[in-house]
Amino acid sequence: MAGNVQNILKLGAPIIVEIGRLSMAVNEVLALAPGSILEIDKRPEEELELLVNNKVVATGAAVKIGERFGIKITFVGDVRARIEAMGASSPAKTDTASDENAEALADQLLQGQ
C-alpha cells in the first residue's frame, strides 16, 4: 500500500494561478481582437489565488523572476484541504463512495508524513 501512495505522490496536478474573473456578453467575447484590453476588478497589490482542481489551496503575491512572472506563496491551506482539492472534479458531486475514497486516500497520505 505504501508503494501506491508513493506513486500517487508523483502524479502531476494542473495548477492555475488566477488573477481575476470577469463576465462578458457573448458579443463582447466575439469582438475580442489582438490589442484588446480586459479590465479585471482586482488591484495589483491584492493576493492571487492558486487553484488545484478549481479549488483554492493557497494565495500569494505576483513577483517578477527575470523575464517571467511567478507567485510568492503567502498562505497555504492545510494538507487535508489540498489533498481533498485533488479529489472530485465537481463540487456538486454527491457520490458518497467517491467521497469516502478521497477521505481514505487523504488519511493514507497524511499517515505517510
N, C-alpha and C. Protein backbone atom coordinates (compact mmCIF):
# COMPACT_ATOMS: atom_id res chain seq x y z
N MET A 1 0.82 -1.20 0.00
CA MET A 1 0.00 0.00 0.00
C MET A 1 0.86 1.25 0.00
N ALA A 2 2.02 1.21 0.68
CA ALA A 2 2.90 2.39 0.73
C ALA A 2 3.41 2.73 -0.66
N GLY A 3 3.66 1.70 -1.49
CA GLY A 3 4.10 1.93 -2.87
C GLY A 3 3.06 2.68 -3.67
N ASN A 4 1.77 2.35 -3.44
CA ASN A 4 0.69 3.05 -4.13
C ASN A 4 0.68 4.53 -3.76
N VAL A 5 0.89 4.82 -2.49
CA VAL A 5 0.91 6.21 -2.03
C VAL A 5 2.08 6.94 -2.68
N GLN A 6 3.24 6.30 -2.76
CA GLN A 6 4.40 6.93 -3.38
C GLN A 6 4.14 7.23 -4.85
N ASN A 7 3.47 6.31 -5.55
CA ASN A 7 3.14 6.54 -6.96
C ASN A 7 2.15 7.69 -7.10
N ILE A 8 1.19 7.77 -6.21
CA ILE A 8 0.20 8.86 -6.24
C ILE A 8 0.89 10.20 -6.03
N LEU A 9 1.86 10.24 -5.12
CA LEU A 9 2.56 11.49 -4.84
C LEU A 9 3.37 12.00 -6.03
N LYS A 10 3.67 11.12 -7.00
CA LYS A 10 4.45 11.51 -8.17
C LYS A 10 3.57 12.00 -9.32
N LEU A 11 2.25 11.87 -9.20
CA LEU A 11 1.35 12.28 -10.27
C LEU A 11 1.38 13.79 -10.44
N GLY A 12 1.21 14.25 -11.67
CA GLY A 12 1.13 15.69 -11.94
C GLY A 12 -0.27 16.21 -11.64
N ALA A 13 -0.34 17.44 -11.22
CA ALA A 13 -1.62 18.09 -10.95
C ALA A 13 -1.61 19.46 -11.63
N PRO A 14 -2.62 19.75 -12.45
CA PRO A 14 -2.65 21.07 -13.08
C PRO A 14 -2.88 22.17 -12.05
N ILE A 15 -2.08 23.20 -12.14
CA ILE A 15 -2.14 24.32 -11.21
C ILE A 15 -2.56 25.56 -11.99
N ILE A 16 -3.47 26.33 -11.45
CA ILE A 16 -3.91 27.58 -12.05
C ILE A 16 -3.63 28.70 -11.06
N VAL A 17 -3.01 29.78 -11.53
CA VAL A 17 -2.86 30.98 -10.73
C VAL A 17 -3.81 31.99 -11.33
N GLU A 18 -4.80 32.37 -10.55
CA GLU A 18 -5.87 33.23 -11.07
C GLU A 18 -5.66 34.67 -10.62
N ILE A 19 -5.65 35.57 -11.60
CA ILE A 19 -5.53 36.98 -11.25
C ILE A 19 -6.89 37.64 -11.11
N GLY A 20 -7.91 37.04 -11.64
CA GLY A 20 -9.25 37.59 -11.52
C GLY A 20 -10.22 36.93 -12.47
N ARG A 21 -11.47 37.28 -12.32
CA ARG A 21 -12.52 36.76 -13.19
C ARG A 21 -13.42 37.92 -13.60
N LEU A 22 -14.03 37.76 -14.75
CA LEU A 22 -15.00 38.75 -15.17
C LEU A 22 -16.04 38.08 -16.03
N SER A 23 -17.11 38.76 -16.25
CA SER A 23 -18.19 38.24 -17.07
C SER A 23 -18.36 39.18 -18.26
N MET A 24 -18.54 38.57 -19.42
CA MET A 24 -18.70 39.36 -20.65
C MET A 24 -19.87 38.80 -21.45
N ALA A 25 -20.53 39.67 -22.17
CA ALA A 25 -21.58 39.24 -23.09
C ALA A 25 -20.93 38.50 -24.26
N VAL A 26 -21.66 37.58 -24.85
CA VAL A 26 -21.13 36.79 -25.96
C VAL A 26 -20.64 37.70 -27.09
N ASN A 27 -21.39 38.77 -27.38
CA ASN A 27 -20.96 39.65 -28.48
C ASN A 27 -19.64 40.34 -28.14
N GLU A 28 -19.37 40.60 -26.85
CA GLU A 28 -18.09 41.19 -26.45
C GLU A 28 -16.95 40.19 -26.63
N VAL A 29 -17.21 38.93 -26.31
CA VAL A 29 -16.20 37.89 -26.49
C VAL A 29 -15.88 37.74 -27.97
N LEU A 30 -16.91 37.74 -28.79
CA LEU A 30 -16.70 37.59 -30.24
C LEU A 30 -15.96 38.79 -30.83
N ALA A 31 -16.05 39.95 -30.17
CA ALA A 31 -15.39 41.16 -30.67
C ALA A 31 -13.93 41.26 -30.22
N LEU A 32 -13.45 40.33 -29.38
CA LEU A 32 -12.05 40.38 -28.93
C LEU A 32 -11.11 40.26 -30.11
N ALA A 33 -10.03 41.03 -30.05
CA ALA A 33 -9.03 41.01 -31.12
C ALA A 33 -7.68 41.30 -30.49
N PRO A 34 -6.60 41.00 -31.19
CA PRO A 34 -5.28 41.35 -30.67
C PRO A 34 -5.24 42.84 -30.30
N GLY A 35 -4.76 43.12 -29.12
CA GLY A 35 -4.71 44.50 -28.64
C GLY A 35 -5.86 44.85 -27.71
N SER A 36 -6.88 43.99 -27.66
CA SER A 36 -7.99 44.23 -26.72
C SER A 36 -7.46 44.19 -25.30
N ILE A 37 -8.02 45.02 -24.45
CA ILE A 37 -7.63 45.05 -23.05
C ILE A 37 -8.87 44.77 -22.21
N LEU A 38 -8.75 43.82 -21.31
CA LEU A 38 -9.84 43.48 -20.41
C LEU A 38 -9.49 44.00 -19.01
N GLU A 39 -10.38 44.76 -18.45
CA GLU A 39 -10.14 45.28 -17.10
C GLU A 39 -10.69 44.30 -16.08
N ILE A 40 -9.81 43.87 -15.19
CA ILE A 40 -10.19 42.91 -14.15
C ILE A 40 -10.37 43.69 -12.85
N ASP A 41 -11.42 43.35 -12.14
CA ASP A 41 -11.75 44.07 -10.91
C ASP A 41 -10.87 43.60 -9.75
N LYS A 42 -9.57 43.84 -9.89
CA LYS A 42 -8.62 43.44 -8.86
C LYS A 42 -7.46 44.41 -8.88
N ARG A 43 -7.08 44.91 -7.71
CA ARG A 43 -5.95 45.82 -7.62
C ARG A 43 -4.64 45.03 -7.69
N PRO A 44 -3.58 45.63 -8.21
CA PRO A 44 -2.30 44.91 -8.36
C PRO A 44 -1.74 44.37 -7.05
N GLU A 45 -2.03 45.01 -5.93
CA GLU A 45 -1.47 44.55 -4.66
C GLU A 45 -2.29 43.44 -4.00
N GLU A 46 -3.43 43.09 -4.57
CA GLU A 46 -4.25 42.03 -4.00
C GLU A 46 -3.62 40.65 -4.24
N GLU A 47 -3.91 39.73 -3.34
CA GLU A 47 -3.40 38.37 -3.43
C GLU A 47 -3.97 37.65 -4.65
N LEU A 48 -3.15 36.81 -5.26
CA LEU A 48 -3.58 35.93 -6.33
C LEU A 48 -3.99 34.60 -5.70
N GLU A 49 -4.86 33.87 -6.38
CA GLU A 49 -5.29 32.58 -5.86
C GLU A 49 -4.63 31.46 -6.66
N LEU A 50 -4.15 30.44 -5.95
CA LEU A 50 -3.58 29.26 -6.57
C LEU A 50 -4.62 28.16 -6.45
N LEU A 51 -5.05 27.63 -7.58
CA LEU A 51 -6.10 26.63 -7.59
C LEU A 51 -5.59 25.27 -8.06
N VAL A 52 -6.09 24.23 -7.43
CA VAL A 52 -5.89 22.86 -7.88
C VAL A 52 -7.29 22.29 -8.04
N ASN A 53 -7.58 21.79 -9.23
CA ASN A 53 -8.91 21.23 -9.49
C ASN A 53 -10.00 22.28 -9.26
N ASN A 54 -9.69 23.52 -9.63
CA ASN A 54 -10.60 24.66 -9.48
C ASN A 54 -10.96 24.97 -8.03
N LYS A 55 -10.12 24.55 -7.10
CA LYS A 55 -10.35 24.85 -5.68
C LYS A 55 -9.12 25.60 -5.15
N VAL A 56 -9.36 26.69 -4.43
CA VAL A 56 -8.26 27.48 -3.90
C VAL A 56 -7.55 26.69 -2.81
N VAL A 57 -6.23 26.51 -2.96
CA VAL A 57 -5.44 25.81 -1.94
C VAL A 57 -4.37 26.72 -1.34
N ALA A 58 -4.12 27.87 -2.00
CA ALA A 58 -3.11 28.79 -1.49
C ALA A 58 -3.34 30.17 -2.11
N THR A 59 -2.70 31.17 -1.53
CA THR A 59 -2.73 32.51 -2.10
C THR A 59 -1.31 33.06 -2.08
N GLY A 60 -1.07 34.08 -2.89
CA GLY A 60 0.26 34.65 -2.92
C GLY A 60 0.30 35.95 -3.68
N ALA A 61 1.48 36.52 -3.74
CA ALA A 61 1.71 37.79 -4.41
C ALA A 61 2.43 37.56 -5.73
N ALA A 62 2.07 38.36 -6.73
CA ALA A 62 2.75 38.28 -8.03
C ALA A 62 4.17 38.80 -7.87
N VAL A 63 5.12 38.09 -8.49
CA VAL A 63 6.52 38.51 -8.47
C VAL A 63 7.08 38.38 -9.89
N LYS A 64 8.10 39.15 -10.16
CA LYS A 64 8.78 39.05 -11.45
C LYS A 64 10.09 38.32 -11.22
N ILE A 65 10.32 37.28 -12.01
CA ILE A 65 11.54 36.48 -11.90
C ILE A 65 12.23 36.56 -13.26
N GLY A 66 13.20 37.44 -13.37
CA GLY A 66 13.84 37.66 -14.67
C GLY A 66 12.82 38.22 -15.64
N GLU A 67 12.58 37.49 -16.72
CA GLU A 67 11.62 37.92 -17.73
C GLU A 67 10.28 37.19 -17.60
N ARG A 68 10.06 36.56 -16.45
CA ARG A 68 8.83 35.79 -16.26
C ARG A 68 8.10 36.26 -15.01
N PHE A 69 6.85 35.87 -14.92
CA PHE A 69 6.06 36.12 -13.71
C PHE A 69 6.08 34.89 -12.84
N GLY A 70 5.87 35.07 -11.57
CA GLY A 70 5.76 33.97 -10.63
C GLY A 70 4.79 34.34 -9.53
N ILE A 71 4.64 33.46 -8.58
CA ILE A 71 3.78 33.72 -7.42
C ILE A 71 4.56 33.36 -6.17
N LYS A 72 4.63 34.29 -5.23
CA LYS A 72 5.26 34.04 -3.94
C LYS A 72 4.14 33.67 -2.97
N ILE A 73 4.15 32.43 -2.54
CA ILE A 73 3.08 31.91 -1.70
C ILE A 73 3.11 32.61 -0.33
N THR A 74 1.96 33.13 0.08
CA THR A 74 1.85 33.78 1.38
C THR A 74 0.94 33.02 2.33
N PHE A 75 0.07 32.17 1.79
CA PHE A 75 -0.82 31.36 2.63
C PHE A 75 -1.05 30.04 1.92
N VAL A 76 -1.00 28.96 2.69
CA VAL A 76 -1.29 27.62 2.17
C VAL A 76 -2.29 26.97 3.12
N GLY A 77 -3.35 26.41 2.55
CA GLY A 77 -4.32 25.68 3.36
C GLY A 77 -3.68 24.42 3.93
N ASP A 78 -4.37 23.77 4.84
CA ASP A 78 -3.80 22.58 5.46
C ASP A 78 -3.68 21.43 4.46
N VAL A 79 -2.90 20.45 4.80
CA VAL A 79 -2.61 19.34 3.90
C VAL A 79 -3.89 18.61 3.50
N ARG A 80 -4.78 18.38 4.44
CA ARG A 80 -6.02 17.66 4.13
C ARG A 80 -6.83 18.42 3.07
N ALA A 81 -6.91 19.74 3.19
CA ALA A 81 -7.67 20.52 2.21
C ALA A 81 -7.02 20.43 0.84
N ARG A 82 -5.68 20.42 0.78
CA ARG A 82 -5.00 20.30 -0.51
C ARG A 82 -5.24 18.93 -1.12
N ILE A 83 -5.21 17.89 -0.32
CA ILE A 83 -5.45 16.54 -0.83
C ILE A 83 -6.89 16.43 -1.33
N GLU A 84 -7.83 16.96 -0.55
CA GLU A 84 -9.23 16.89 -0.94
C GLU A 84 -9.49 17.70 -2.21
N ALA A 85 -8.75 18.79 -2.40
CA ALA A 85 -8.90 19.60 -3.62
C ALA A 85 -8.55 18.79 -4.85
N MET A 86 -7.68 17.82 -4.70
CA MET A 86 -7.28 16.99 -5.84
C MET A 86 -8.22 15.83 -6.05
N GLY A 87 -9.29 15.77 -5.27
CA GLY A 87 -10.27 14.68 -5.38
C GLY A 87 -11.28 14.95 -6.47
N ALA A 88 -12.56 14.91 -6.13
CA ALA A 88 -13.65 15.04 -7.09
C ALA A 88 -13.54 16.35 -7.87
N SER A 89 -13.82 16.28 -9.18
CA SER A 89 -13.67 17.46 -10.02
C SER A 89 -14.88 18.38 -9.96
N SER A 90 -15.99 17.91 -9.45
CA SER A 90 -17.19 18.73 -9.40
C SER A 90 -17.62 18.94 -7.96
N PRO A 91 -17.75 20.22 -7.50
CA PRO A 91 -18.16 20.45 -6.13
C PRO A 91 -19.58 19.98 -5.87
N ALA A 92 -20.40 19.83 -6.90
CA ALA A 92 -21.77 19.39 -6.72
C ALA A 92 -21.88 17.88 -6.69
N LYS A 93 -20.77 17.19 -6.82
CA LYS A 93 -20.76 15.73 -6.87
C LYS A 93 -21.29 15.16 -5.56
N THR A 94 -22.19 14.19 -5.67
CA THR A 94 -22.79 13.62 -4.47
C THR A 94 -22.49 12.13 -4.35
N ASP A 95 -21.48 11.65 -5.04
CA ASP A 95 -21.08 10.25 -5.00
C ASP A 95 -20.39 9.99 -3.66
N THR A 96 -21.09 9.40 -2.69
CA THR A 96 -20.53 9.22 -1.36
C THR A 96 -19.39 8.21 -1.37
N ALA A 97 -19.44 7.22 -2.26
CA ALA A 97 -18.33 6.25 -2.34
C ALA A 97 -17.06 6.96 -2.76
N SER A 98 -17.17 7.86 -3.73
CA SER A 98 -16.00 8.61 -4.18
C SER A 98 -15.49 9.52 -3.07
N ASP A 99 -16.40 10.15 -2.33
CA ASP A 99 -16.00 11.00 -1.21
C ASP A 99 -15.28 10.18 -0.14
N GLU A 100 -15.78 8.96 0.12
CA GLU A 100 -15.14 8.09 1.11
C GLU A 100 -13.76 7.66 0.62
N ASN A 101 -13.62 7.38 -0.68
CA ASN A 101 -12.32 7.01 -1.24
C ASN A 101 -11.34 8.16 -1.10
N ALA A 102 -11.78 9.37 -1.38
CA ALA A 102 -10.90 10.55 -1.27
C ALA A 102 -10.49 10.74 0.18
N GLU A 103 -11.41 10.53 1.10
CA GLU A 103 -11.11 10.68 2.53
C GLU A 103 -10.11 9.60 2.97
N ALA A 104 -10.28 8.37 2.49
CA ALA A 104 -9.35 7.30 2.82
C ALA A 104 -7.96 7.59 2.25
N LEU A 105 -7.91 8.11 1.02
CA LEU A 105 -6.64 8.46 0.41
C LEU A 105 -5.96 9.57 1.21
N ALA A 106 -6.73 10.57 1.62
CA ALA A 106 -6.15 11.65 2.42
C ALA A 106 -5.57 11.11 3.72
N ASP A 107 -6.27 10.19 4.36
CA ASP A 107 -5.76 9.58 5.59
C ASP A 107 -4.45 8.84 5.33
N GLN A 108 -4.39 8.08 4.23
CA GLN A 108 -3.17 7.33 3.89
C GLN A 108 -1.99 8.27 3.64
N LEU A 109 -2.25 9.33 2.88
CA LEU A 109 -1.19 10.27 2.56
C LEU A 109 -0.70 10.98 3.81
N LEU A 110 -1.61 11.33 4.70
CA LEU A 110 -1.23 12.02 5.93
C LEU A 110 -0.44 11.11 6.87
N GLN A 111 -0.75 9.81 6.86
CA GLN A 111 -0.02 8.86 7.69
C GLN A 111 1.43 8.72 7.23
N GLY A 112 1.65 8.92 5.92
CA GLY A 112 2.99 8.77 5.36
C GLY A 112 3.90 9.96 5.65
N GLN A 113 3.40 11.00 6.28
CA GLN A 113 4.23 12.18 6.54
C GLN A 113 5.02 12.05 7.82
